N, C-alpha and C. Protein backbone atom coordinates (compact mmCIF):
# COMPACT_ATOMS: atom_id res chain seq x y z
N MET A 1 -16.41 4.53 2.46
CA MET A 1 -17.03 4.93 1.22
C MET A 1 -18.12 5.98 1.44
N MET A 2 -18.50 6.18 2.67
CA MET A 2 -19.58 7.11 2.98
C MET A 2 -19.34 8.53 2.46
N PRO A 3 -18.14 9.11 2.60
CA PRO A 3 -17.99 10.50 2.18
C PRO A 3 -17.75 10.70 0.68
N LEU A 4 -17.51 9.63 -0.05
CA LEU A 4 -17.23 9.78 -1.47
C LEU A 4 -18.52 9.95 -2.27
N PRO A 5 -18.47 10.77 -3.33
CA PRO A 5 -19.64 10.90 -4.20
C PRO A 5 -19.96 9.56 -4.86
N VAL A 6 -21.21 9.35 -5.22
CA VAL A 6 -21.64 8.11 -5.85
C VAL A 6 -20.84 7.87 -7.13
N LYS A 7 -20.61 8.91 -7.92
CA LYS A 7 -19.87 8.74 -9.18
C LYS A 7 -18.41 8.35 -8.95
N ALA A 8 -17.92 8.52 -7.73
CA ALA A 8 -16.56 8.11 -7.39
C ALA A 8 -16.55 6.76 -6.67
N GLY A 9 -17.70 6.06 -6.68
CA GLY A 9 -17.78 4.75 -6.05
C GLY A 9 -18.17 4.78 -4.60
N GLY A 10 -18.55 5.95 -4.10
CA GLY A 10 -18.93 6.07 -2.69
C GLY A 10 -20.42 6.02 -2.48
N TRP A 11 -20.83 6.39 -1.27
CA TRP A 11 -22.25 6.35 -0.89
C TRP A 11 -22.90 7.73 -1.00
N GLY A 12 -22.10 8.78 -1.16
CA GLY A 12 -22.64 10.12 -1.34
C GLY A 12 -23.36 10.68 -0.13
N GLN A 13 -22.96 10.29 1.08
CA GLN A 13 -23.65 10.72 2.29
C GLN A 13 -23.04 11.97 2.92
N ILE A 14 -21.83 12.32 2.55
CA ILE A 14 -21.17 13.50 3.09
C ILE A 14 -20.61 14.29 1.92
N THR A 15 -20.81 15.58 1.90
CA THR A 15 -20.27 16.40 0.81
C THR A 15 -18.89 16.92 1.18
N GLY A 16 -18.16 17.35 0.17
CA GLY A 16 -16.86 17.96 0.43
C GLY A 16 -15.67 17.14 -0.03
N TYR A 17 -15.91 15.91 -0.49
CA TYR A 17 -14.83 15.06 -0.98
C TYR A 17 -15.07 14.79 -2.45
N THR A 18 -14.01 14.80 -3.25
CA THR A 18 -14.17 14.58 -4.69
C THR A 18 -13.90 13.15 -5.11
N GLY A 19 -13.06 12.44 -4.38
CA GLY A 19 -12.72 11.07 -4.72
C GLY A 19 -11.60 10.57 -3.84
N LYS A 20 -11.11 9.37 -4.14
CA LYS A 20 -10.05 8.76 -3.32
C LYS A 20 -8.74 9.52 -3.39
N ASN A 21 -8.53 10.33 -4.42
CA ASN A 21 -7.30 11.10 -4.54
C ASN A 21 -7.38 12.46 -3.84
N ASP A 22 -8.54 12.81 -3.33
CA ASP A 22 -8.73 14.07 -2.62
C ASP A 22 -7.87 14.05 -1.35
N PRO A 23 -6.99 15.03 -1.13
CA PRO A 23 -6.13 15.04 0.06
C PRO A 23 -6.92 14.98 1.37
N LYS A 24 -8.09 15.61 1.41
CA LYS A 24 -8.91 15.54 2.63
C LYS A 24 -9.39 14.12 2.89
N TYR A 25 -9.78 13.43 1.83
CA TYR A 25 -10.23 12.05 1.97
C TYR A 25 -9.08 11.15 2.41
N GLN A 26 -7.91 11.34 1.80
CA GLN A 26 -6.75 10.52 2.15
C GLN A 26 -6.35 10.72 3.61
N LYS A 27 -6.40 11.96 4.10
CA LYS A 27 -6.07 12.24 5.50
C LYS A 27 -7.08 11.57 6.42
N MET A 28 -8.38 11.68 6.09
CA MET A 28 -9.40 11.07 6.91
C MET A 28 -9.23 9.54 6.94
N ALA A 29 -8.98 8.94 5.77
CA ALA A 29 -8.79 7.50 5.69
C ALA A 29 -7.57 7.06 6.50
N GLU A 30 -6.51 7.85 6.45
CA GLU A 30 -5.30 7.54 7.22
C GLU A 30 -5.59 7.57 8.72
N LEU A 31 -6.30 8.58 9.17
CA LEU A 31 -6.64 8.69 10.59
C LEU A 31 -7.52 7.52 11.04
N ILE A 32 -8.48 7.16 10.21
CA ILE A 32 -9.36 6.03 10.55
C ILE A 32 -8.56 4.75 10.60
N ASP A 33 -7.68 4.54 9.63
CA ASP A 33 -6.88 3.32 9.61
C ASP A 33 -6.00 3.21 10.86
N LYS A 34 -5.45 4.34 11.29
CA LYS A 34 -4.61 4.33 12.50
C LYS A 34 -5.43 4.05 13.76
N ALA A 35 -6.72 4.40 13.74
CA ALA A 35 -7.57 4.22 14.91
C ALA A 35 -8.08 2.79 15.05
N ILE A 36 -7.99 2.01 13.99
CA ILE A 36 -8.50 0.63 14.02
C ILE A 36 -7.46 -0.28 14.65
N ILE A 37 -7.87 -1.00 15.66
CA ILE A 37 -6.98 -1.97 16.32
C ILE A 37 -7.34 -3.34 15.75
N ARG A 38 -6.44 -3.89 14.98
CA ARG A 38 -6.70 -5.17 14.32
C ARG A 38 -6.31 -6.33 15.23
N ALA A 39 -7.17 -7.34 15.22
CA ALA A 39 -6.89 -8.55 15.98
C ALA A 39 -5.77 -9.31 15.27
N PRO A 40 -4.91 -10.00 16.02
CA PRO A 40 -3.79 -10.72 15.40
C PRO A 40 -4.24 -11.76 14.37
N ASN A 41 -5.44 -12.33 14.55
CA ASN A 41 -5.91 -13.36 13.64
C ASN A 41 -6.93 -12.82 12.63
N GLU A 42 -7.01 -11.51 12.49
CA GLU A 42 -7.98 -10.91 11.57
C GLU A 42 -7.62 -11.17 10.12
N ASN A 43 -8.64 -11.36 9.31
CA ASN A 43 -8.45 -11.59 7.88
C ASN A 43 -8.08 -10.27 7.22
N THR A 44 -6.84 -10.11 6.81
CA THR A 44 -6.40 -8.87 6.17
C THR A 44 -5.98 -9.10 4.72
N LYS A 45 -6.11 -10.34 4.23
CA LYS A 45 -5.67 -10.65 2.88
C LYS A 45 -6.83 -10.72 1.89
N GLY A 46 -8.06 -10.41 2.34
CA GLY A 46 -9.19 -10.39 1.44
C GLY A 46 -9.81 -11.74 1.16
N TRP A 47 -9.48 -12.75 1.96
CA TRP A 47 -10.05 -14.09 1.76
C TRP A 47 -11.55 -14.03 1.96
N GLU A 48 -12.28 -14.68 1.07
CA GLU A 48 -13.73 -14.74 1.15
C GLU A 48 -14.14 -16.20 1.18
N PRO A 49 -14.95 -16.60 2.15
CA PRO A 49 -15.39 -18.00 2.20
C PRO A 49 -16.31 -18.33 1.02
N THR A 50 -16.27 -19.58 0.58
CA THR A 50 -17.14 -20.02 -0.51
C THR A 50 -18.46 -20.51 0.07
N TRP A 51 -19.39 -20.79 -0.82
CA TRP A 51 -20.70 -21.29 -0.39
C TRP A 51 -20.53 -22.60 0.39
N GLN A 52 -19.63 -23.45 -0.07
CA GLN A 52 -19.41 -24.73 0.61
C GLN A 52 -18.87 -24.54 2.02
N MET A 53 -18.18 -23.44 2.25
CA MET A 53 -17.63 -23.14 3.58
C MET A 53 -18.63 -22.37 4.43
N GLY A 54 -19.81 -22.13 3.90
CA GLY A 54 -20.81 -21.39 4.65
C GLY A 54 -20.66 -19.88 4.51
N GLY A 55 -20.06 -19.43 3.42
CA GLY A 55 -19.78 -18.02 3.25
C GLY A 55 -20.82 -17.22 2.50
N GLY A 56 -21.95 -17.79 2.24
CA GLY A 56 -22.99 -17.03 1.55
C GLY A 56 -23.37 -17.66 0.23
N GLU A 57 -24.40 -17.14 -0.33
CA GLU A 57 -24.88 -17.67 -1.60
C GLU A 57 -23.95 -17.26 -2.73
N ASP A 58 -23.93 -18.06 -3.77
CA ASP A 58 -23.07 -17.80 -4.93
C ASP A 58 -23.25 -16.40 -5.50
N TRP A 59 -24.51 -15.95 -5.62
CA TRP A 59 -24.75 -14.65 -6.25
C TRP A 59 -24.15 -13.52 -5.42
N VAL A 60 -24.12 -13.68 -4.09
CA VAL A 60 -23.54 -12.65 -3.24
C VAL A 60 -22.04 -12.55 -3.48
N ILE A 61 -21.39 -13.69 -3.53
CA ILE A 61 -19.95 -13.72 -3.75
C ILE A 61 -19.61 -13.15 -5.13
N LYS A 62 -20.40 -13.51 -6.16
CA LYS A 62 -20.16 -13.00 -7.51
C LYS A 62 -20.35 -11.49 -7.58
N GLU A 63 -21.41 -10.99 -6.95
CA GLU A 63 -21.67 -9.55 -6.96
C GLU A 63 -20.56 -8.79 -6.23
N ARG A 64 -20.12 -9.32 -5.08
CA ARG A 64 -19.05 -8.66 -4.33
C ARG A 64 -17.77 -8.64 -5.14
N THR A 65 -17.45 -9.73 -5.80
CA THR A 65 -16.24 -9.79 -6.62
C THR A 65 -16.32 -8.77 -7.75
N ALA A 66 -17.47 -8.65 -8.39
CA ALA A 66 -17.65 -7.67 -9.47
C ALA A 66 -17.51 -6.25 -8.94
N ASP A 67 -18.12 -5.98 -7.79
CA ASP A 67 -18.02 -4.64 -7.20
C ASP A 67 -16.58 -4.29 -6.84
N MET A 68 -15.86 -5.24 -6.26
CA MET A 68 -14.48 -4.99 -5.88
C MET A 68 -13.61 -4.74 -7.12
N SER A 69 -13.88 -5.46 -8.21
CA SER A 69 -13.13 -5.25 -9.45
C SER A 69 -13.36 -3.84 -9.99
N LYS A 70 -14.60 -3.36 -9.93
CA LYS A 70 -14.91 -2.02 -10.38
C LYS A 70 -14.16 -0.97 -9.55
N LEU A 71 -14.15 -1.16 -8.23
CA LEU A 71 -13.48 -0.21 -7.35
C LEU A 71 -11.97 -0.19 -7.58
N GLU A 72 -11.41 -1.37 -7.78
CA GLU A 72 -9.96 -1.44 -8.00
C GLU A 72 -9.56 -0.82 -9.34
N ALA A 73 -10.48 -0.80 -10.31
CA ALA A 73 -10.19 -0.22 -11.62
C ALA A 73 -10.15 1.30 -11.59
N GLU A 74 -10.71 1.90 -10.56
CA GLU A 74 -10.75 3.37 -10.48
C GLU A 74 -9.40 3.96 -10.16
């Protein structure tokens, strides 16, 4: 999210990208994804632990869920 403008849901730390549909951004994201070596037991399905499981306070989980919904709507 670092190179995306704030209005596109990013952090606005690098200029030159317009959004997730920008071909330069997609190429960079593809290269990064290929460089990541995932562990066989890594959580890739988006599972989030609950407060009862020791996964954080309720407000953190609610805020993260709201943020993820906003990003997916873009």
